Amino acid sequence: MVLSCALCGKDKRQFKNYSFFMVPKEPDMRKKWQEFAKWTNVLDHYRLCEDHFSVEQIYKRYPRPLLKKNAVPQYVNVLLII
């Protein structure tokens, strides 16, 4: 199974340098993500790519970027430029 964004469909094969973030397990944050994405139910394997978050919400550190604790997605319509 290839990692892909549950909103825009970008996948790790085409976007090797992108970060993909798992839906939070904490109920309040999970609900915020669900409301943002307008999902009827959220599966544990759902991920969103970095394009749905502001730069300020992401710690760009080695070995991989991390989301800040209270990061909520902000951008739905992301242009796919190839």
Protein backbone atom coordinates (compact mmCIF):
# COMPACT_ATOMS: atom_id res chain seq x y z
CA MET A 1 0.00 0.00 0.00
CA VAL A 2 1.39 3.38 -1.03
CA LEU A 3 1.11 6.35 1.31
CA SER A 4 -1.32 8.87 -0.13
CA CYS A 5 -3.20 11.96 0.98
CA ALA A 6 -6.84 11.27 1.85
CA LEU A 7 -7.84 14.72 0.51
CA CYS A 8 -5.88 15.47 -2.65
CA GLY A 9 -4.59 12.01 -3.58
CA LYS A 10 -0.89 12.89 -3.77
CA ASP A 11 1.17 9.80 -3.10
CA LYS A 12 4.67 9.05 -1.87
CA ARG A 13 5.74 7.57 -5.24
CA GLN A 14 5.27 10.85 -7.10
CA PHE A 15 6.02 13.21 -4.22
CA LYS A 16 9.01 11.57 -2.57
CA ASN A 17 10.06 14.66 -0.61
CA TYR A 18 6.59 15.32 0.81
CA SER A 19 5.53 14.61 4.37
CA PHE A 20 2.30 12.77 5.11
CA PHE A 21 0.75 13.15 8.56
CA MET A 22 -1.48 10.60 10.28
CA VAL A 23 -4.87 11.61 11.63
CA PRO A 24 -4.50 12.29 15.37
CA LYS A 25 -5.70 9.66 17.84
CA GLU A 26 -6.70 12.29 20.43
CA PRO A 27 -10.54 12.58 20.07
CA ASP A 28 -10.86 16.41 20.04
CA MET A 29 -8.13 16.89 17.43
CA ARG A 30 -9.42 13.97 15.37
CA LYS A 31 -12.86 15.60 15.31
CA LYS A 32 -11.37 18.90 14.08
CA TRP A 33 -9.60 17.10 11.23
CA GLN A 34 -12.81 15.23 10.41
CA GLU A 35 -14.84 18.46 10.31
CA PHE A 36 -12.21 20.15 8.15
CA ALA A 37 -12.12 17.30 5.62
CA LYS A 38 -15.89 16.70 5.78
CA TRP A 39 -15.33 12.98 6.34
CA THR A 40 -18.32 11.01 7.63
CA ASN A 41 -15.99 8.61 9.43
CA VAL A 42 -12.22 8.64 9.87
CA LEU A 43 -10.03 5.60 9.41
CA ASP A 44 -6.78 5.22 11.33
CA HIS A 45 -4.73 4.87 8.15
CA TYR A 46 -5.86 8.26 6.73
CA ARG A 47 -3.06 10.77 6.18
CA LEU A 48 -2.89 14.32 4.91
CA CYS A 49 0.05 15.74 2.98
CA GLU A 50 1.96 18.82 4.05
CA ASP A 51 0.11 20.99 1.49
CA HIS A 52 -2.92 21.11 3.79
CA PHE A 53 -1.00 22.78 6.63
CA SER A 54 0.63 26.17 7.03
CA VAL A 55 4.43 26.30 7.23
CA GLU A 56 4.14 27.46 10.85
CA GLN A 57 2.37 24.22 11.82
CA ILE A 58 5.23 21.94 10.74
CA TYR A 59 8.54 21.32 12.48
CA LYS A 60 11.01 20.68 9.66
CA ARG A 61 13.54 18.52 11.45
CA TYR A 62 15.62 15.51 10.76
CA PRO A 63 14.88 12.62 10.31
CA ARG A 64 11.33 13.64 9.35
CA PRO A 65 9.06 16.67 9.75
CA LEU A 66 6.50 16.64 12.57
CA LEU A 67 3.26 18.51 13.09
CA LYS A 68 2.97 20.83 16.04
CA LYS A 69 0.69 19.55 18.79
CA ASN A 70 -2.47 21.51 17.89
CA ALA A 71 -2.03 21.60 14.11
CA VAL A 72 -5.30 21.52 12.18
CA PRO A 73 -5.42 21.38 8.37
CA GLN A 74 -6.13 24.74 6.73
CA TYR A 75 -6.11 24.23 2.97
CA VAL A 76 -8.53 22.00 1.05
CA ASN A 77 -8.07 22.88 -2.60
CA VAL A 78 -4.42 22.37 -3.40
CA LEU A 79 -3.23 22.79 -6.98
CA LEU A 80 -1.46 19.77 -8.38
CA ILE A 81 1.35 21.03 -10.60
CA ILE A 82 3.32 18.47 -12.57
